[in-house]
Amino acid sequence: MRWILGIMWVCLFSSVHAQNSVVVTIRNVESRSGVVQACIFNSAASFTGDSGTPLQCTQAPITGKEARVQFNGLPDGRYAIFVFHDANNNRKLDKNFIGIPTEGYGASRNNLPFAAAPSFDDNAFSLKGNISARITIRLRNI
């Protein structure tokens, strides 16, 4: 009986504390200079910078024309990722005088409108059930 209760306790504890991860491959990086910066968001307000902050941010070195980042310990929920090639290591997406990005950028579902910033809803995905998701983001270089 104790053995059965022990197994039930482990199963219950494991499901209550389910954690997800996301491995992101970033492609179409124009040069090996700098790093790729990546942040994962769990709300539209934080994604657009209106309020709140990213859930996690990380950076990765560039290998060839790719980089790879991983986000761990994510509870079940809805997320969107924004990445950019920080070619000059200043930790910000550089833009020209009219606000057009001068460094490559991308988002989790590769939904990048032509003349506007990507949105949370257009790039959101769901994680549920202690999974490890894989996403490929292709940078847009203008």
Protein backbone atom coordinates (compact mmCIF):
# COMPACT_ATOMS: atom_id res chain seq x y z
CA MET A 1 0.00 0.00 0.00
CA ARG A 2 2.83 2.42 0.85
CA TRP A 3 4.42 1.65 -2.50
CA ILE A 4 1.22 2.59 -4.37
CA LEU A 5 0.80 5.79 -2.33
CA GLY A 6 4.44 6.67 -3.04
CA ILE A 7 3.96 6.30 -6.78
CA MET A 8 0.75 8.36 -6.66
CA TRP A 9 2.57 11.12 -4.71
CA VAL A 10 5.39 11.25 -7.29
CA CYS A 11 2.90 11.41 -10.17
CA LEU A 12 0.87 14.16 -8.49
CA PHE A 13 3.94 16.21 -7.61
CA SER A 14 5.35 15.86 -11.14
CA SER A 15 2.16 17.01 -12.84
CA VAL A 16 1.59 19.98 -10.52
CA HIS A 17 5.08 21.30 -11.16
CA ALA A 18 5.25 20.61 -14.89
CA GLN A 19 7.85 22.78 -16.57
CA ASN A 20 8.27 23.32 -20.28
CA SER A 21 11.26 24.35 -22.37
CA VAL A 22 11.74 25.88 -25.80
CA VAL A 23 14.79 25.43 -28.01
CA VAL A 24 15.02 28.17 -30.63
CA THR A 25 17.16 28.01 -33.76
CA ILE A 26 17.73 31.43 -35.31
CA ARG A 27 18.61 31.38 -39.01
CA ASN A 28 19.60 33.94 -41.65
CA VAL A 29 22.07 35.82 -39.43
CA GLU A 30 23.96 38.15 -41.77
CA SER A 31 27.38 38.09 -40.09
CA ARG A 32 29.30 36.49 -37.25
CA SER A 33 29.82 39.80 -35.46
CA GLY A 34 28.02 40.32 -32.18
CA VAL A 35 25.45 37.95 -30.69
CA VAL A 36 21.80 37.07 -31.03
CA GLN A 37 19.58 38.47 -28.27
CA ALA A 38 16.33 36.60 -27.51
CA CYS A 39 13.47 37.21 -25.08
CA ILE A 40 10.34 35.21 -24.33
CA PHE A 41 7.15 37.00 -23.30
CA ASN A 42 3.93 35.78 -21.70
CA SER A 43 1.72 38.81 -22.45
CA ALA A 44 0.99 41.21 -25.28
CA ALA A 45 1.73 44.24 -23.08
CA SER A 46 5.24 43.05 -22.26
CA PHE A 47 5.88 41.97 -25.88
CA THR A 48 5.13 45.46 -27.18
CA GLY A 49 6.93 47.16 -24.29
CA ASP A 50 3.76 48.89 -23.08
CA SER A 51 4.07 47.43 -19.58
CA GLY A 52 5.84 44.59 -17.88
CA THR A 53 9.07 42.88 -18.77
CA PRO A 54 10.12 39.76 -20.66
CA LEU A 55 9.79 36.51 -18.77
CA GLN A 56 13.35 35.48 -19.71
CA CYS A 57 16.09 36.89 -21.93
CA THR A 58 19.28 35.29 -23.13
CA GLN A 59 21.94 35.70 -25.79
CA ALA A 60 23.84 33.28 -27.96
CA PRO A 61 26.98 33.30 -30.08
CA ILE A 62 26.64 33.03 -33.84
CA THR A 63 27.88 29.90 -35.58
CA GLY A 64 27.90 30.19 -39.34
CA LYS A 65 24.61 31.91 -40.12
CA GLU A 66 22.77 30.48 -37.10
CA ALA A 67 22.43 30.77 -33.35
CA ARG A 68 20.60 28.64 -30.81
CA VAL A 69 18.99 29.65 -27.50
CA GLN A 70 16.95 27.77 -24.93
CA PHE A 71 14.32 28.87 -22.42
CA ASN A 72 13.73 26.52 -19.48
CA GLY A 73 11.37 26.28 -16.53
CA LEU A 74 8.33 27.70 -18.30
CA PRO A 75 4.93 26.98 -16.76
CA ASP A 76 2.02 26.00 -19.01
CA GLY A 77 0.86 29.09 -20.89
CA ARG A 78 0.92 31.20 -24.02
CA TYR A 79 4.19 32.75 -25.18
CA ALA A 80 5.86 34.73 -27.98
CA ILE A 81 9.56 35.15 -28.65
CA PHE A 82 11.38 38.13 -30.14
CA VAL A 83 14.99 37.86 -31.35
CA PHE A 84 17.47 40.18 -33.02
CA HIS A 85 21.05 40.14 -34.25
CA ASP A 86 22.93 42.50 -31.94
CA ALA A 87 25.81 43.00 -34.36
CA ASN A 88 27.49 45.73 -32.30
CA ASN A 89 26.84 44.22 -28.82
CA ASN A 90 24.96 47.26 -27.49
CA ARG A 91 22.02 45.13 -26.21
CA LYS A 92 19.40 46.98 -28.25
CA LEU A 93 17.80 46.70 -31.67
CA ASP A 94 19.33 49.54 -33.65
CA LYS A 95 17.07 51.54 -35.95
CA ASN A 96 17.60 54.26 -38.54
CA PHE A 97 16.32 57.84 -38.23
CA ILE A 98 12.76 56.85 -39.26
CA GLY A 99 12.57 53.83 -36.95
CA ILE A 100 13.32 50.99 -39.37
CA PRO A 101 15.52 48.28 -37.80
CA THR A 102 19.08 48.20 -39.11
CA GLU A 103 19.78 44.81 -37.49
CA GLY A 104 18.07 41.54 -38.34
CA TYR A 105 15.02 40.64 -36.22
CA GLY A 106 12.41 37.92 -35.97
CA ALA A 107 9.57 36.47 -33.93
CA SER A 108 8.47 33.01 -32.88
CA ARG A 109 6.02 32.20 -35.68
CA ASN A 110 7.84 34.28 -38.30
CA ASN A 111 4.82 36.56 -38.67
CA LEU A 112 6.47 39.88 -39.43
CA PRO A 113 4.24 42.54 -41.00
CA PHE A 114 5.79 44.65 -43.74
CA ALA A 115 5.47 48.09 -42.16
CA ALA A 116 4.80 47.42 -38.47
CA ALA A 117 6.30 45.72 -35.45
CA PRO A 118 5.43 42.05 -34.91
CA SER A 119 2.54 41.39 -32.54
CA PHE A 120 2.20 38.98 -29.64
CA ASP A 121 -1.01 37.42 -30.97
CA ASP A 122 0.41 36.78 -34.45
CA ASN A 123 3.48 35.06 -32.99
CA ALA A 124 2.07 33.34 -29.89
CA PHE A 125 2.26 29.61 -29.22
CA SER A 126 1.11 27.48 -26.30
CA LEU A 127 3.07 25.18 -24.02
CA LYS A 128 1.37 22.56 -21.93
CA GLY A 129 2.30 19.30 -20.31
CA ASN A 130 6.02 19.34 -19.55
CA ILE A 131 7.20 19.48 -23.17
CA SER A 132 10.32 20.61 -24.96
CA ALA A 133 9.26 22.58 -28.03
CA ARG A 134 11.50 23.41 -30.98
CA ILE A 135 11.06 26.63 -32.95
CA THR A 136 12.95 28.01 -35.94
CA ILE A 137 13.03 31.78 -36.45
CA ARG A 138 14.28 33.30 -39.68
CA LEU A 139 15.64 36.81 -39.25
CA ARG A 140 14.41 39.62 -41.47
CA ASN A 141 17.32 41.79 -42.61
CA ILE A 142 16.40 45.11 -44.17
